[in-house]
Amino acid sequence: MLYNCSAHVEVEDGNKVAKGNVTECGILNFLMSCNVDVEATLKKKEKDDIVEFTIPFSSSRKRATSAIRNPRLNGEISVFCKGAPEMVIELCDSIIDKDGNEDELTDEMKQDILKNVVKTFAGKSYRTILVAHTNYSNTEWTNIKREANDFSTEEDRETVESGLTLIGIFALQDPLRPGIRDSVELCGKAGVTVRMVTGDNIDTAIAISKEAGIIPESLDGDRCGYTCMTGPKFRVAIGGLVEREVDGKMKDFVVNQEVFDTITAELRVLARSSPEDKYLLVTGLRE
């Protein structure tokens, strides 16, 4: 975890405090509670300059990866990857079992993990992070690097994200701040409908929305209609976008305006009447 981490540790009032990305800080705090010398390891990683390259987390990739010249393996290369379970698990072909042995990770096991582990945690408003790794000998690494254009682009570097071994899954919860539910209720009484836009797993998002009072507890996550949607589901529902020429300029318009209007009505967004305003609204939602 520490070799594939951008967070760090600072000392405040004599206490060690994790700083940086909140998800990584949660993991660092967990490791420190397990008496891992997080600060020393992070300093050693920086001092020894063992990082070959990193691929930072992005909303499109939903994972972060670091290639490390591993001091525990006599300088051979370890690739560490962590991120959204549904993304990273597809890059894995083995798993560490409860006894510490490496076993084959079948497609059936992957679906079982996503359904019975990840979905269960997400339904309780936990954010899940899957952690995986693989190792390369120096000879293997040299050959891969040569074939992958010396890792000059992110796409080239992504070639090492394969044949990973699933180590485990972290479940982290970011509790609602005090007063959030009361604020949502107050907005409702004032005629303001609150909606949440997030990059979280859809099940996590639904669970948090229920906690905050944004959607009713009785709403079944599997039958939310247009109330709870992922970006891909929204794009499919409206048929995507098409370009049309208006007054000599090319502009984007939704393919299925009727469905789009239905969605905006269900979300209780005030629909605007002019085509230009609808274009702006669609662009905003797309981006």
Protein backbone atom coordinates (compact mmCIF):
# COMPACT_ATOMS: atom_id res chain seq x y z
CA MET A 1 0.00 0.00 0.00
CA LEU A 2 2.77 2.43 0.92
CA TYR A 3 4.66 1.84 -2.32
CA ASN A 4 1.55 2.87 -4.27
CA CYS A 5 0.50 5.90 -2.29
CA SER A 6 0.63 9.69 -2.72
CA ALA A 7 -0.41 10.57 0.87
CA HIS A 8 2.17 11.30 3.55
CA VAL A 9 2.54 11.62 7.32
CA GLU A 10 3.14 14.79 9.30
CA VAL A 11 3.68 15.29 13.02
CA GLU A 12 1.22 17.66 14.68
CA ASP A 13 1.38 18.30 18.44
CA GLY A 14 3.46 15.19 18.84
CA ASN A 15 0.99 12.98 16.95
CA LYS A 16 1.49 11.41 13.53
CA VAL A 17 -1.26 12.55 11.16
CA ALA A 18 -1.94 11.31 7.62
CA LYS A 19 -2.20 14.08 5.02
CA GLY A 20 -3.33 14.00 1.39
CA ASN A 21 -6.04 12.10 -0.44
CA VAL A 22 -8.74 11.25 2.10
CA THR A 23 -9.11 7.64 0.91
CA GLU A 24 -5.37 7.04 1.18
CA CYS A 25 -5.32 8.81 4.56
CA GLY A 26 -7.91 6.32 5.80
CA ILE A 27 -5.68 3.45 4.73
CA LEU A 28 -2.57 5.04 6.28
CA ASN A 29 -4.45 5.54 9.55
CA PHE A 30 -5.44 1.87 9.49
CA LEU A 31 -1.82 0.79 8.91
CA MET A 32 -0.58 3.05 11.72
CA SER A 33 -3.21 1.55 14.04
CA CYS A 34 -1.66 -1.84 13.17
CA ASN A 35 1.74 -0.49 14.36
CA VAL A 36 3.18 -0.27 10.84
CA ASP A 37 5.96 2.37 10.69
CA VAL A 38 4.27 4.23 7.86
CA GLU A 39 6.38 7.37 8.12
CA ALA A 40 9.70 5.50 7.91
CA THR A 41 8.60 3.42 4.92
CA LEU A 42 7.36 6.47 2.99
CA LYS A 43 10.63 8.32 3.68
CA LYS A 44 12.69 5.31 2.60
CA LYS A 45 10.68 5.00 -0.61
CA GLU A 46 11.45 8.63 -1.46
CA LYS A 47 15.10 8.50 -0.37
CA ASP A 48 15.96 5.28 -2.21
CA ASP A 49 14.30 6.56 -5.41
CA ILE A 50 12.84 3.14 -6.17
CA VAL A 51 9.81 4.29 -8.16
CA GLU A 52 10.08 3.37 -11.84
CA PHE A 53 6.85 5.19 -12.74
CA THR A 54 3.36 5.91 -11.46
CA ILE A 55 0.00 6.14 -13.19
CA PRO A 56 -2.12 8.44 -11.03
CA PHE A 57 -5.76 7.83 -10.22
CA SER A 58 -8.26 9.32 -12.66
CA SER A 59 -12.04 9.22 -12.89
CA SER A 60 -11.81 7.33 -16.19
CA ARG A 61 -9.29 4.69 -15.02
CA LYS A 62 -10.61 4.46 -11.43
CA ARG A 63 -7.30 3.07 -10.27
CA ALA A 64 -3.72 4.11 -9.45
CA THR A 65 -0.58 2.11 -10.21
CA SER A 66 3.08 2.27 -9.20
CA ALA A 67 5.98 0.27 -10.62
CA ILE A 68 8.64 -0.15 -7.92
CA ARG A 69 12.19 -1.50 -7.97
CA ASN A 70 11.39 -3.57 -4.91
CA PRO A 71 14.15 -3.64 -2.26
CA ARG A 72 12.59 -6.79 -0.79
CA LEU A 73 13.10 -8.61 -4.11
CA ASN A 74 16.72 -7.61 -4.74
CA GLY A 75 15.66 -4.76 -7.02
CA GLU A 76 13.27 -6.72 -9.21
CA ILE A 77 10.10 -4.92 -10.26
CA SER A 78 6.80 -5.01 -8.39
CA VAL A 79 3.69 -3.43 -9.87
CA PHE A 80 1.11 -2.33 -7.29
CA CYS A 81 -2.41 -1.40 -8.32
CA LYS A 82 -5.38 -0.21 -6.26
CA GLY A 83 -8.77 1.15 -7.19
CA ALA A 84 -12.43 0.41 -7.87
CA PRO A 85 -12.95 -3.36 -7.45
CA GLU A 86 -15.03 -3.71 -10.62
CA MET A 87 -12.12 -2.23 -12.62
CA VAL A 88 -9.07 -3.78 -10.95
CA ILE A 89 -10.48 -7.29 -10.51
CA GLU A 90 -10.63 -7.65 -14.31
CA LEU A 91 -6.83 -7.25 -14.35
CA CYS A 92 -6.34 -10.10 -11.85
CA ASP A 93 -5.95 -13.82 -12.54
CA SER A 94 -4.98 -15.02 -9.04
CA ILE A 95 -5.85 -14.32 -5.41
CA ILE A 96 -4.23 -14.62 -1.99
CA ASP A 97 -6.42 -16.89 0.13
CA LYS A 98 -7.00 -16.75 3.89
CA ASP A 99 -3.91 -18.93 4.49
CA GLY A 100 -1.64 -16.68 2.43
CA ASN A 101 -1.44 -19.03 -0.56
CA GLU A 102 -1.84 -17.89 -4.16
CA ASP A 103 -4.77 -19.50 -5.98
CA GLU A 104 -6.39 -19.10 -9.39
CA LEU A 105 -9.05 -16.37 -9.55
CA THR A 106 -11.84 -17.65 -11.80
CA ASP A 107 -14.54 -15.55 -13.48
CA GLU A 108 -17.08 -17.17 -11.14
CA MET A 109 -15.03 -16.09 -8.10
CA LYS A 110 -14.76 -12.55 -9.48
CA GLN A 111 -18.55 -12.27 -9.80
CA ASP A 112 -18.99 -13.71 -6.31
CA ILE A 113 -16.59 -11.13 -4.85
CA LEU A 114 -18.30 -8.24 -6.62
CA LYS A 115 -21.78 -9.43 -5.65
CA ASN A 116 -21.30 -10.71 -2.11
CA VAL A 117 -18.41 -8.59 -0.85
CA VAL A 118 -18.23 -5.31 -2.74
CA LYS A 119 -21.99 -4.84 -3.18
CA THR A 120 -22.61 -5.69 0.50
CA PHE A 121 -20.12 -3.07 1.67
CA ALA A 122 -21.41 -0.52 -0.84
CA GLY A 123 -24.96 -1.05 0.42
CA LYS A 124 -23.74 0.02 3.86
CA SER A 125 -22.23 3.23 2.37
CA TYR A 126 -18.65 1.95 2.42
CA ARG A 127 -16.23 2.88 -0.36
CA THR A 128 -14.28 -0.20 -1.43
CA ILE A 129 -10.69 -0.26 -2.68
CA LEU A 130 -9.24 -3.42 -4.20
CA VAL A 131 -5.48 -3.91 -3.85
CA ALA A 132 -3.46 -6.10 -6.23
CA HIS A 133 0.13 -6.63 -7.40
CA THR A 134 2.46 -8.62 -9.63
CA ASN A 135 6.23 -9.06 -9.94
CA TYR A 136 8.61 -9.00 -12.91
CA SER A 137 12.22 -10.15 -13.14
CA ASN A 138 14.69 -7.61 -14.48
CA THR A 139 14.87 -9.50 -17.77
CA GLU A 140 11.07 -9.59 -18.13
CA TRP A 141 10.87 -5.89 -17.29
CA THR A 142 13.52 -4.94 -19.84
CA ASN A 143 11.69 -6.88 -22.58
CA ILE A 144 8.28 -5.41 -21.70
CA LYS A 145 9.73 -1.90 -21.58
CA ARG A 146 11.29 -2.31 -25.02
CA GLU A 147 8.06 -3.66 -26.51
CA ALA A 148 6.01 -0.90 -24.82
CA ASN A 149 7.87 2.03 -26.36
CA ASP A 150 9.99 2.58 -23.22
CA PHE A 151 6.77 3.38 -21.30
CA SER A 152 6.66 6.81 -22.93
CA THR A 153 2.87 7.19 -22.69
CA GLU A 154 0.26 6.26 -20.11
CA GLU A 155 -1.14 3.68 -22.51
CA ASP A 156 2.33 2.11 -22.78
CA ARG A 157 2.63 1.97 -18.99
CA GLU A 158 -0.79 0.34 -18.66
CA THR A 159 0.59 -2.79 -20.37
CA VAL A 160 2.07 -3.91 -17.01
CA GLU A 161 -1.39 -3.86 -15.38
CA SER A 162 -2.13 -7.51 -16.19
CA GLY A 163 -1.80 -10.89 -14.53
CA LEU A 164 -2.28 -9.26 -11.13
CA THR A 165 -2.80 -11.06 -7.83
CA LEU A 166 -5.70 -9.83 -5.69
CA ILE A 167 -4.40 -9.17 -2.18
CA GLY A 168 -7.52 -7.83 -0.49
CA ILE A 169 -10.23 -5.21 -0.33
CA PHE A 170 -10.37 -2.21 1.98
CA ALA A 171 -13.79 -0.89 3.03
CA LEU A 172 -13.75 2.75 4.10
CA GLN A 173 -16.58 4.91 5.31
CA ASP A 174 -16.67 8.70 5.15
CA PRO A 175 -19.41 9.56 7.68
CA LEU A 176 -21.84 12.34 6.86
CA ARG A 177 -21.01 15.61 8.52
CA PRO A 178 -23.31 16.63 11.38
CA GLY A 179 -26.38 18.51 10.17
CA ILE A 180 -26.36 17.22 6.59
CA ARG A 181 -29.67 15.36 6.91
CA ASP A 182 -31.28 18.38 8.63
CA SER A 183 -30.01 20.66 5.84
CA VAL A 184 -31.46 18.43 3.12
CA GLU A 185 -34.81 18.36 4.96
CA LEU A 186 -34.76 22.16 5.33
CA CYS A 187 -34.08 22.54 1.59
CA GLY A 188 -37.06 20.31 0.85
CA LYS A 189 -39.34 22.45 2.99
CA ALA A 190 -38.10 25.50 1.07
CA GLY A 191 -38.97 23.87 -2.27
CA VAL A 192 -35.35 23.06 -3.20
CA THR A 193 -34.70 19.50 -4.37
CA VAL A 194 -31.23 18.24 -3.46
CA ARG A 195 -29.42 15.85 -5.81
CA MET A 196 -26.01 14.23 -5.41
CA VAL A 197 -23.40 13.91 -8.15
CA THR A 198 -20.55 11.57 -7.26
CA GLY A 199 -17.92 9.26 -8.69
CA ASP A 200 -18.74 6.60 -6.10
CA ASN A 201 -20.03 3.12 -6.90
CA ILE A 202 -23.78 3.38 -7.60
CA ASP A 203 -24.67 1.20 -4.58
CA THR A 204 -22.50 3.34 -2.29
CA ALA A 205 -24.08 6.49 -3.72
CA ILE A 206 -27.60 5.17 -3.11
CA ALA A 207 -26.76 4.19 0.48
CA ILE A 208 -25.25 7.62 1.24
CA SER A 209 -28.23 9.36 -0.41
CA LYS A 210 -30.58 7.47 1.88
CA GLU A 211 -28.52 8.40 4.94
CA ALA A 212 -28.63 12.06 3.92
CA GLY A 213 -32.36 12.00 3.22
CA ILE A 214 -31.87 12.79 -0.48
CA ILE A 215 -33.89 9.73 -1.51
CA PRO A 216 -36.36 7.77 0.66
CA GLU A 217 -35.22 4.71 2.61
CA SER A 218 -37.97 2.69 0.90
CA LEU A 219 -36.48 3.22 -2.58
CA ASP A 220 -35.12 -0.08 -3.89
CA GLY A 221 -31.65 0.40 -5.37
CA ASP A 222 -32.39 -2.11 -8.15
CA ARG A 223 -35.56 -0.27 -9.19
CA CYS A 224 -34.62 3.39 -8.94
CA GLY A 225 -35.68 4.25 -12.47
CA TYR A 226 -34.11 7.53 -13.50
CA THR A 227 -33.66 8.74 -9.91
CA CYS A 228 -30.26 7.04 -9.48
CA MET A 229 -28.13 6.64 -12.59
CA THR A 230 -24.58 6.06 -13.65
CA GLY A 231 -23.15 8.17 -16.48
CA PRO A 232 -23.24 5.27 -18.99
CA LYS A 233 -26.88 4.50 -18.10
CA PHE A 234 -27.80 8.15 -18.65
CA ARG A 235 -26.04 8.32 -22.03
CA VAL A 236 -27.74 5.13 -23.22
CA ALA A 237 -31.14 6.37 -22.01
CA ILE A 238 -30.96 9.62 -23.97
CA GLY A 239 -29.39 7.95 -27.03
CA GLY A 240 -26.19 9.97 -26.81
CA LEU A 241 -25.51 13.27 -28.57
CA VAL A 242 -25.57 14.35 -32.19
CA GLU A 243 -24.11 17.43 -33.83
CA ARG A 244 -26.38 19.73 -35.81
CA GLU A 245 -25.70 22.99 -37.52
CA VAL A 246 -27.54 25.96 -35.99
CA ASP A 247 -26.95 29.45 -37.44
CA GLY A 248 -23.74 28.27 -39.07
CA LYS A 249 -22.35 26.68 -35.88
CA MET A 250 -22.19 22.99 -34.93
CA LYS A 251 -23.90 22.25 -31.64
CA ASP A 252 -24.67 19.12 -29.63
CA PHE A 253 -28.22 17.88 -29.15
CA VAL A 254 -29.57 14.78 -27.40
CA VAL A 255 -30.86 12.02 -29.64
CA ASN A 256 -33.92 11.24 -27.52
CA GLN A 257 -35.21 14.57 -26.24
CA GLU A 258 -38.40 12.98 -24.91
CA VAL A 259 -36.48 10.68 -22.55
CA PHE A 260 -34.22 13.54 -21.55
CA ASP A 261 -37.26 15.63 -20.61
CA THR A 262 -38.66 12.70 -18.63
CA ILE A 263 -35.38 12.37 -16.72
CA THR A 264 -35.18 16.05 -15.91
CA ALA A 265 -38.80 15.99 -14.74
CA GLU A 266 -38.15 12.99 -12.50
CA LEU A 267 -35.12 14.71 -11.02
CA ARG A 268 -37.33 17.77 -10.54
CA VAL A 269 -34.95 19.97 -12.51
CA LEU A 270 -36.67 22.99 -14.06
CA ALA A 271 -36.65 22.34 -17.81
CA ARG A 272 -35.83 25.38 -19.91
CA SER A 273 -37.76 26.12 -23.04
CA SER A 274 -35.26 27.33 -25.62
CA PRO A 275 -33.08 24.90 -27.63
CA GLU A 276 -29.99 26.87 -26.62
CA ASP A 277 -30.74 26.45 -22.93
CA LYS A 278 -31.34 22.74 -23.42
CA TYR A 279 -28.04 22.46 -25.24
CA LEU A 280 -26.26 24.11 -22.31
CA LEU A 281 -28.02 21.86 -19.82
CA VAL A 282 -27.05 18.73 -21.76
CA THR A 283 -23.44 19.84 -22.09
CA GLY A 284 -23.23 20.45 -18.37
CA LEU A 285 -24.59 17.00 -17.57
CA ARG A 286 -22.31 15.34 -20.09
CA GLU A 287 -19.20 17.01 -18.71
